[in-house]
Amino acid sequence: DEGKLIDNYNYLPDDHYSVCGASFQKYLA
């Protein structure tokens, strides 16, 4: 309501979260 939302980016490649997520999990570990 206050206009304080950063827009989602809706065009990530289909495998972005699975591939980059696996890399991020390595960082977390």
Full PDB file with SEQRES, HELIX, SHEET, SSBOND, CRYST1, ORIGX, SCALE, CONECT and MASTER records, all heavy atoms in Angstrom:
SEQRES   1 A   29  ASP GLU GLY LYS LEU ILE ASP ASN TYR ASN TYR LEU PRO          
SEQRES   2 A   29  ASP ASP HIS TYR SER VAL CYS GLY ALA SER PHE GLN LYS          
SEQRES   3 A   29  TYR LEU ALA                                                  
HELIX    1 AA1 HIS A   16  LEU A   28  1                                  13    
CRYST1    1.000    1.000    1.000  90.00  90.00  90.00 P 1           1          
ORIGX1      1.000000  0.000000  0.000000        0.00000                         
ORIGX2      0.000000  1.000000  0.000000        0.00000                         
ORIGX3      0.000000  0.000000  1.000000        0.00000                         
SCALE1      1.000000  0.000000  0.000000        0.00000                         
SCALE2      0.000000  1.000000  0.000000        0.00000                         
SCALE3      0.000000  0.000000  1.000000        0.00000                         
ATOM      1  N   ASP A   1       0.817  -1.209   0.000  1.00  0.00           N  
ATOM      2  CA  ASP A   1       0.000   0.000   0.000  1.00  0.00           C  
ATOM      3  C   ASP A   1       0.855   1.265   0.000  1.00  0.00           C  
ATOM      4  O   ASP A   1       0.446   2.314  -0.513  1.00  0.00           O  
ATOM      5  CB  ASP A   1      -0.925   0.014   1.220  1.00  0.00           C  
ATOM      6  CG  ASP A   1      -2.059  -0.995   1.106  1.00  0.00           C  
ATOM      7  OD1 ASP A   1      -2.270  -1.521   0.004  1.00  0.00           O  
ATOM      8  OD2 ASP A   1      -2.723  -1.260   2.129  1.00  0.00           O  
ATOM      9  N   GLU A   2       2.051   1.165   0.579  1.00  0.00           N  
ATOM     10  CA  GLU A   2       2.964   2.311   0.635  1.00  0.00           C  
ATOM     11  C   GLU A   2       3.859   2.400  -0.593  1.00  0.00           C  
ATOM     12  O   GLU A   2       4.720   3.277  -0.679  1.00  0.00           O  
ATOM     13  CB  GLU A   2       3.819   2.231   1.901  1.00  0.00           C  
ATOM     14  CG  GLU A   2       3.026   2.393   3.196  1.00  0.00           C  
ATOM     15  CD  GLU A   2       3.899   2.240   4.429  1.00  0.00           C  
ATOM     16  OE1 GLU A   2       5.112   1.959   4.267  1.00  0.00           O  
ATOM     17  OE2 GLU A   2       3.376   2.383   5.548  1.00  0.00           O  
ATOM     18  N   GLY A   3       3.656   1.494  -1.541  1.00  0.00           N  
ATOM     19  CA  GLY A   3       4.480   1.497  -2.747  1.00  0.00           C  
ATOM     20  C   GLY A   3       5.902   1.050  -2.500  1.00  0.00           C  
ATOM     21  O   GLY A   3       6.825   1.415  -3.248  1.00  0.00           O  
ATOM     22  N   LYS A   4       6.101   0.231  -1.464  1.00  0.00           N  
ATOM     23  CA  LYS A   4       7.442  -0.194  -1.086  1.00  0.00           C  
ATOM     24  C   LYS A   4       7.670  -1.668  -1.429  1.00  0.00           C  
ATOM     25  O   LYS A   4       7.999  -2.493  -0.583  1.00  0.00           O  
ATOM     26  CB  LYS A   4       7.682   0.047   0.398  1.00  0.00           C  
ATOM     27  CG  LYS A   4       7.728   1.530   0.768  1.00  0.00           C  
ATOM     28  CD  LYS A   4       8.032   1.737   2.244  1.00  0.00           C  
ATOM     29  CE  LYS A   4       8.159   3.211   2.575  1.00  0.00           C  
ATOM     30  NZ  LYS A   4       8.479   3.438   4.012  1.00  0.00           N  
ATOM     31  N   LEU A   5       7.463  -1.987  -2.706  1.00  0.00           N  
ATOM     32  CA  LEU A   5       7.766  -3.323  -3.217  1.00  0.00           C  
ATOM     33  C   LEU A   5       8.704  -3.203  -4.410  1.00  0.00           C  
ATOM     34  O   LEU A   5       8.450  -2.423  -5.327  1.00  0.00           O  
ATOM     35  CB  LEU A   5       6.498  -4.062  -3.654  1.00  0.00           C  
ATOM     36  CG  LEU A   5       5.496  -4.491  -2.589  1.00  0.00           C  
ATOM     37  CD1 LEU A   5       4.341  -5.248  -3.239  1.00  0.00           C  
ATOM     38  CD2 LEU A   5       6.160  -5.365  -1.531  1.00  0.00           C  
ATOM     39  N   ILE A   6       9.794  -3.951  -4.388  1.00  0.00           N  
ATOM     40  CA  ILE A   6      10.681  -4.070  -5.542  1.00  0.00           C  
ATOM     41  C   ILE A   6      10.087  -5.154  -6.439  1.00  0.00           C  
ATOM     42  O   ILE A   6       9.783  -6.251  -5.973  1.00  0.00           O  
ATOM     43  CB  ILE A   6      12.103  -4.461  -5.101  1.00  0.00           C  
ATOM     44  CG1 ILE A   6      12.703  -3.366  -4.210  1.00  0.00           C  
ATOM     45  CG2 ILE A   6      13.002  -4.717  -6.314  1.00  0.00           C  
ATOM     46  CD1 ILE A   6      13.994  -3.772  -3.527  1.00  0.00           C  
ATOM     47  N   ASP A   7       9.903  -4.866  -7.709  1.00  0.00           N  
ATOM     48  CA  ASP A   7       9.238  -5.808  -8.613  1.00  0.00           C  
ATOM     49  C   ASP A   7       9.981  -7.132  -8.726  1.00  0.00           C  
ATOM     50  O   ASP A   7      11.214  -7.171  -8.785  1.00  0.00           O  
ATOM     51  CB  ASP A   7       9.106  -5.204 -10.009  1.00  0.00           C  
ATOM     52  CG  ASP A   7       8.064  -4.099 -10.069  1.00  0.00           C  
ATOM     53  OD1 ASP A   7       7.194  -4.049  -9.181  1.00  0.00           O  
ATOM     54  OD2 ASP A   7       8.132  -3.273 -11.005  1.00  0.00           O  
ATOM     55  N   ASN A   8       9.200  -8.215  -8.770  1.00  0.00           N  
ATOM     56  CA  ASN A   8       9.777  -9.516  -9.095  1.00  0.00           C  
ATOM     57  C   ASN A   8      10.352  -9.490 -10.509  1.00  0.00           C  
ATOM     58  O   ASN A   8       9.833  -8.784 -11.384  1.00  0.00           O  
ATOM     59  CB  ASN A   8       8.696 -10.609  -9.060  1.00  0.00           C  
ATOM     60  CG  ASN A   8       8.131 -10.850  -7.687  1.00  0.00           C  
ATOM     61  OD1 ASN A   8       8.870 -11.021  -6.721  1.00  0.00           O  
ATOM     62  ND2 ASN A   8       6.813 -10.883  -7.586  1.00  0.00           N  
ATOM     63  N   TYR A   9      11.418 -10.261 -10.727  1.00  0.00           N  
ATOM     64  CA  TYR A   9      11.898 -10.482 -12.091  1.00  0.00           C  
ATOM     65  C   TYR A   9      11.328 -11.819 -12.547  1.00  0.00           C  
ATOM     66  O   TYR A   9      11.612 -12.860 -11.945  1.00  0.00           O  
ATOM     67  CB  TYR A   9      13.425 -10.509 -12.145  1.00  0.00           C  
ATOM     68  CG  TYR A   9      13.958 -10.682 -13.546  1.00  0.00           C  
ATOM     69  CD1 TYR A   9      13.850  -9.653 -14.479  1.00  0.00           C  
ATOM     70  CD2 TYR A   9      14.547 -11.875 -13.954  1.00  0.00           C  
ATOM     71  CE1 TYR A   9      14.318  -9.808 -15.771  1.00  0.00           C  
ATOM     72  CE2 TYR A   9      15.026 -12.033 -15.248  1.00  0.00           C  
ATOM     73  CZ  TYR A   9      14.906 -11.001 -16.159  1.00  0.00           C  
ATOM     74  OH  TYR A   9      15.362 -11.160 -17.437  1.00  0.00           O  
ATOM     75  N   ASN A  10      10.494 -11.794 -13.581  1.00  0.00           N  
ATOM     76  CA  ASN A  10       9.709 -12.972 -13.963  1.00  0.00           C  
ATOM     77  C   ASN A  10      10.276 -13.774 -15.125  1.00  0.00           C  
ATOM     78  O   ASN A  10       9.584 -14.632 -15.672  1.00  0.00           O  
ATOM     79  CB  ASN A  10       8.279 -12.541 -14.311  1.00  0.00           C  
ATOM     80  CG  ASN A  10       7.531 -12.005 -13.120  1.00  0.00           C  
ATOM     81  OD1 ASN A  10       7.573 -12.590 -12.042  1.00  0.00           O  
ATOM     82  ND2 ASN A  10       6.856 -10.877 -13.295  1.00  0.00           N  
ATOM     83  N   TYR A  11      11.528 -13.513 -15.502  1.00  0.00           N  
ATOM     84  CA  TYR A  11      12.047 -14.165 -16.706  1.00  0.00           C  
ATOM     85  C   TYR A  11      13.315 -14.977 -16.440  1.00  0.00           C  
ATOM     86  O   TYR A  11      14.155 -15.141 -17.328  1.00  0.00           O  
ATOM     87  CB  TYR A  11      12.322 -13.121 -17.794  1.00  0.00           C  
ATOM     88  CG  TYR A  11      11.158 -12.205 -18.041  1.00  0.00           C  
ATOM     89  CD1 TYR A  11      11.151 -10.916 -17.513  1.00  0.00           C  
ATOM     90  CD2 TYR A  11      10.049 -12.625 -18.769  1.00  0.00           C  
ATOM     91  CE1 TYR A  11      10.076 -10.067 -17.712  1.00  0.00           C  
ATOM     92  CE2 TYR A  11       8.972 -11.783 -18.971  1.00  0.00           C  
ATOM     93  CZ  TYR A  11       8.988 -10.509 -18.450  1.00  0.00           C  
ATOM     94  OH  TYR A  11       7.922  -9.676 -18.641  1.00  0.00           O  
ATOM     95  N   LEU A  12      13.467 -15.489 -15.250  1.00  0.00           N  
ATOM     96  CA  LEU A  12      14.629 -16.335 -14.979  1.00  0.00           C  
ATOM     97  C   LEU A  12      14.547 -17.617 -15.804  1.00  0.00           C  
ATOM     98  O   LEU A  12      13.449 -18.141 -16.026  1.00  0.00           O  
ATOM     99  CB  LEU A  12      14.687 -16.692 -13.489  1.00  0.00           C  
ATOM    100  CG  LEU A  12      14.984 -15.541 -12.528  1.00  0.00           C  
ATOM    101  CD1 LEU A  12      14.867 -16.019 -11.093  1.00  0.00           C  
ATOM    102  CD2 LEU A  12      16.371 -14.963 -12.784  1.00  0.00           C  
ATOM    103  N   PRO A  13      15.675 -18.131 -16.255  1.00  0.00           N  
ATOM    104  CA  PRO A  13      15.664 -19.401 -16.982  1.00  0.00           C  
ATOM    105  C   PRO A  13      15.020 -20.497 -16.140  1.00  0.00           C  
ATOM    106  O   PRO A  13      15.057 -20.452 -14.896  1.00  0.00           O  
ATOM    107  CB  PRO A  13      17.151 -19.681 -17.224  1.00  0.00           C  
ATOM    108  CG  PRO A  13      17.790 -18.328 -17.209  1.00  0.00           C  
ATOM    109  CD  PRO A  13      17.025 -17.543 -16.173  1.00  0.00           C  
ATOM    110  N   ASP A  14      14.447 -21.481 -16.795  1.00  0.00           N  
ATOM    111  CA  ASP A  14      13.668 -22.501 -16.103  1.00  0.00           C  
ATOM    112  C   ASP A  14      14.466 -23.300 -15.081  1.00  0.00           C  
ATOM    113  O   ASP A  14      13.916 -23.777 -14.098  1.00  0.00           O  
ATOM    114  CB  ASP A  14      13.033 -23.454 -17.119  1.00  0.00           C  
ATOM    115  CG  ASP A  14      11.948 -22.779 -17.938  1.00  0.00           C  
ATOM    116  OD1 ASP A  14      11.284 -21.873 -17.405  1.00  0.00           O  
ATOM    117  OD2 ASP A  14      11.771 -23.144 -19.110  1.00  0.00           O  
ATOM    118  N   ASP A  15      15.766 -23.461 -15.309  1.00  0.00           N  
ATOM    119  CA  ASP A  15      16.560 -24.285 -14.382  1.00  0.00           C  
ATOM    120  C   ASP A  15      17.401 -23.431 -13.430  1.00  0.00           C  
ATOM    121  O   ASP A  15      18.277 -23.944 -12.746  1.00  0.00           O  
ATOM    122  CB  ASP A  15      17.467 -25.241 -15.153  1.00  0.00           C  
ATOM    123  CG  ASP A  15      18.473 -24.527 -16.050  1.00  0.00           C  
ATOM    124  OD1 ASP A  15      18.375 -23.283 -16.193  1.00  0.00           O  
ATOM    125  OD2 ASP A  15      19.352 -25.203 -16.612  1.00  0.00           O  
ATOM    126  N   HIS A  16      17.105 -22.139 -13.351  1.00  0.00           N  
ATOM    127  CA  HIS A  16      17.921 -21.241 -12.535  1.00  0.00           C  
ATOM    128  C   HIS A  16      17.967 -21.674 -11.074  1.00  0.00           C  
ATOM    129  O   HIS A  16      19.035 -21.791 -10.472  1.00  0.00           O  
ATOM    130  CB  HIS A  16      17.404 -19.809 -12.643  1.00  0.00           C  
ATOM    131  CG  HIS A  16      18.088 -18.835 -11.718  1.00  0.00           C  
ATOM    132  ND1 HIS A  16      17.642 -18.597 -10.432  1.00  0.00           N  
ATOM    133  CD2 HIS A  16      19.195 -18.062 -11.883  1.00  0.00           C  
ATOM    134  CE1 HIS A  16      18.437 -17.722  -9.846  1.00  0.00           C  
ATOM    135  NE2 HIS A  16      19.386 -17.378 -10.709  1.00  0.00           N  
ATOM    136  N   TYR A  17      16.799 -21.908 -10.490  1.00  0.00           N  
ATOM    137  CA  TYR A  17      16.804 -22.175  -9.050  1.00  0.00           C  
ATOM    138  C   TYR A  17      17.369 -23.544  -8.710  1.00  0.00           C  
ATOM    139  O   TYR A  17      17.953 -23.738  -7.647  1.00  0.00           O  
ATOM    140  CB  TYR A  17      15.409 -21.964  -8.442  1.00  0.00           C  
ATOM    141  CG  TYR A  17      14.461 -23.138  -8.504  1.00  0.00           C  
ATOM    142  CD1 TYR A  17      14.347 -24.025  -7.440  1.00  0.00           C  
ATOM    143  CD2 TYR A  17      13.628 -23.334  -9.601  1.00  0.00           C  
ATOM    144  CE1 TYR A  17      13.448 -25.072  -7.472  1.00  0.00           C  
ATOM    145  CE2 TYR A  17      12.734 -24.380  -9.644  1.00  0.00           C  
ATOM    146  CZ  TYR A  17      12.633 -25.249  -8.576  1.00  0.00           C  
ATOM    147  OH  TYR A  17      11.751 -26.287  -8.618  1.00  0.00           O  
ATOM    148  N   SER A  18      17.240 -24.503  -9.616  1.00  0.00           N  
ATOM    149  CA  SER A  18      17.780 -25.827  -9.314  1.00  0.00           C  
ATOM    150  C   SER A  18      19.301 -25.860  -9.462  1.00  0.00           C  
ATOM    151  O   SER A  18      20.012 -26.397  -8.591  1.00  0.00           O  
ATOM    152  CB  SER A  18      17.139 -26.891 -10.207  1.00  0.00           C  
ATOM    153  OG  SER A  18      17.356 -26.604 -11.581  1.00  0.00           O  
ATOM    154  N   VAL A  19      19.813 -25.253 -10.519  1.00  0.00           N  
ATOM    155  CA  VAL A  19      21.261 -25.270 -10.751  1.00  0.00           C  
ATOM    156  C   VAL A  19      21.979 -24.325  -9.787  1.00  0.00           C  
ATOM    157  O   VAL A  19      22.914 -24.701  -9.083  1.00  0.00           O  
ATOM    158  CB  VAL A  19      21.594 -24.901 -12.216  1.00  0.00           C  
ATOM    159  CG1 VAL A  19      23.105 -24.837 -12.410  1.00  0.00           C  
ATOM    160  CG2 VAL A  19      20.976 -25.911 -13.174  1.00  0.00           C  
ATOM    161  N   CYS A  20      21.536 -23.076  -9.763  1.00  0.00           N  
ATOM    162  CA  CYS A  20      22.180 -22.106  -8.869  1.00  0.00           C  
ATOM    163  C   CYS A  20      21.880 -22.423  -7.409  1.00  0.00           C  
ATOM    164  O   CYS A  20      22.689 -22.127  -6.522  1.00  0.00           O  
ATOM    165  CB  CYS A  20      21.718 -20.689  -9.207  1.00  0.00           C  
ATOM    166  SG  CYS A  20      22.248 -20.128 -10.852  1.00  0.00           S  
ATOM    167  N   GLY A  21      20.733 -23.039  -7.164  1.00  0.00           N  
ATOM    168  CA  GLY A  21      20.406 -23.445  -5.805  1.00  0.00           C  
ATOM    169  C   GLY A  21      21.361 -24.497  -5.280  1.00  0.00           C  
ATOM    170  O   GLY A  21      21.741 -24.482  -4.099  1.00  0.00           O  
ATOM    171  N   ALA A  22      21.779 -25.414  -6.145  1.00  0.00           N  
ATOM    172  CA  ALA A  22      22.748 -26.432  -5.736  1.00  0.00           C  
ATOM    173  C   ALA A  22      24.083 -25.789  -5.381  1.00  0.00           C  
ATOM    174  O   ALA A  22      24.750 -26.189  -4.418  1.00  0.00           O  
ATOM    175  CB  ALA A  22      22.926 -27.451  -6.859  1.00  0.00           C  
ATOM    176  N   SER A  23      24.465 -24.770  -6.142  1.00  0.00           N  
ATOM    177  CA  SER A  23      25.697 -24.044  -5.830  1.00  0.00           C  
ATOM    178  C   SER A  23      25.568 -23.299  -4.505  1.00  0.00           C  
ATOM    179  O   SER A  23      26.488 -23.298  -3.679  1.00  0.00           O  
ATOM    180  CB  SER A  23      26.019 -23.047  -6.948  1.00  0.00           C  
ATOM    181  OG  SER A  23      26.296 -23.704  -8.164  1.00  0.00           O  
ATOM    182  N   PHE A  24      24.414 -22.690  -4.287  1.00  0.00           N  
ATOM    183  CA  PHE A  24      24.182 -21.951  -3.056  1.00  0.00           C  
ATOM    184  C   PHE A  24      24.192 -22.887  -1.851  1.00  0.00           C  
ATOM    185  O   PHE A  24      24.658 -22.531  -0.759  1.00  0.00           O  
ATOM    186  CB  PHE A  24      22.843 -21.207  -3.134  1.00  0.00           C  
ATOM    187  CG  PHE A  24      22.887 -19.818  -2.554  1.00  0.00           C  
ATOM    188  CD1 PHE A  24      22.478 -18.726  -3.303  1.00  0.00           C  
ATOM    189  CD2 PHE A  24      23.341 -19.596  -1.264  1.00  0.00           C  
ATOM    190  CE1 PHE A  24      22.509 -17.438  -2.774  1.00  0.00           C  
ATOM    191  CE2 PHE A  24      23.377 -18.313  -0.722  1.00  0.00           C  
ATOM    192  CZ  PHE A  24      22.965 -17.234  -1.475  1.00  0.00           C  
ATOM    193  N   GLN A  25      23.693 -24.085  -2.028  1.00  0.00           N  
ATOM    194  CA  GLN A  25      23.722 -25.067  -0.938  1.00  0.00           C  
ATOM    195  C   GLN A  25      25.154 -25.432  -0.566  1.00  0.00           C  
ATOM    196  O   GLN A  25      25.457 -25.641   0.610  1.00  0.00           O  
ATOM    197  CB  GLN A  25      22.929 -26.307  -1.331  1.00  0.00           C  
ATOM    198  CG  GLN A  25      21.429 -26.089  -1.320  1.00  0.00           C  
ATOM    199  CD  GLN A  25      20.653 -27.256  -1.880  1.00  0.00           C  
ATOM    200  OE1 GLN A  25      21.178 -28.063  -2.651  1.00  0.00           O  
ATOM    201  NE2 GLN A  25      19.383 -27.360  -1.521  1.00  0.00           N  
ATOM    202  N   LYS A  26      26.017 -25.484  -1.551  1.00  0.00           N  
ATOM    203  CA  LYS A  26      27.433 -25.747  -1.251  1.00  0.00           C  
ATOM    204  C   LYS A  26      28.026 -24.614  -0.422  1.00  0.00           C  
ATOM    205  O   LYS A  26      28.819 -24.847   0.491  1.00  0.00           O  
ATOM    206  CB  LYS A  26      28.232 -25.928  -2.559  1.00  0.00           C  
ATOM    207  CG  LYS A  26      27.909 -27.213  -3.306  1.00  0.00           C  
ATOM    208  CD  LYS A  26      28.954 -27.560  -4.346  1.00  0.00           C  
ATOM    209  CE  LYS A  26      29.002 -26.572  -5.477  1.00  0.00           C  
ATOM    210  NZ  LYS A  26      29.967 -26.974  -6.526  1.00  0.00           N  
ATOM    211  N   TYR A  27      27.616 -23.390  -0.728  1.00  0.00           N  
ATOM    212  CA  TYR A  27      28.094 -22.240   0.046  1.00  0.00           C  
ATOM    213  C   TYR A  27      27.566 -22.306   1.477  1.00  0.00           C  
ATOM    214  O   TYR A  27      28.300 -22.059   2.444  1.00  0.00           O  
ATOM    215  CB  TYR A  27      27.646 -20.944  -0.619  1.00  0.00           C  
ATOM    216  CG  TYR A  27      28.123 -19.698   0.087  1.00  0.00           C  
ATOM    217  CD1 TYR A  27      29.437 -19.263  -0.042  1.00  0.00           C  
ATOM    218  CD2 TYR A  27      27.254 -18.965   0.900  1.00  0.00           C  
ATOM    219  CE1 TYR A  27      29.891 -18.119   0.618  1.00  0.00           C  
ATOM    220  CE2 TYR A  27      27.695 -17.823   1.554  1.00  0.00           C  
ATOM    221  CZ  TYR A  27      29.013 -17.411   1.418  1.00  0.00           C  
ATOM    222  OH  TYR A  27      29.450 -16.292   2.076  1.00  0.00           O  
ATOM    223  N   LEU A  28      26.305 -22.658   1.605  1.00  0.00           N  
ATOM    224  CA  LEU A  28      25.701 -22.769   2.924  1.00  0.00           C  
ATOM    225  C   LEU A  28      26.392 -23.834   3.763  1.00  0.00           C  
ATOM    226  O   LEU A  28      26.511 -23.702   4.981  1.00  0.00           O  
ATOM    227  CB  LEU A  28      24.207 -23.093   2.781  1.00  0.00           C  
ATOM    228  CG  LEU A  28      23.375 -23.186   4.058  1.00  0.00           C  
ATOM    229  CD1 LEU A  28      23.382 -21.856   4.812  1.00  0.00           C  
ATOM    230  CD2 LEU A  28      21.943 -23.602   3.731  1.00  0.00           C  
ATOM    231  N   ALA A  29      26.892 -24.870   3.094  1.00  0.00           N  
ATOM    232  CA  ALA A  29      27.569 -25.972   3.790  1.00  0.00           C  
ATOM    233  C   ALA A  29      29.073 -25.755   3.901  1.00  0.00           C  
ATOM    234  O   ALA A  29      29.810 -26.665   4.284  1.00  0.00           O  
ATOM    235  CB  ALA A  29      27.297 -27.283   3.050  1.00  0.00           C  
TER     236      ALA A  29                                                      
MASTER        0    0    0    1    0    0    0    6  235    1    0    3          
END                                                                             
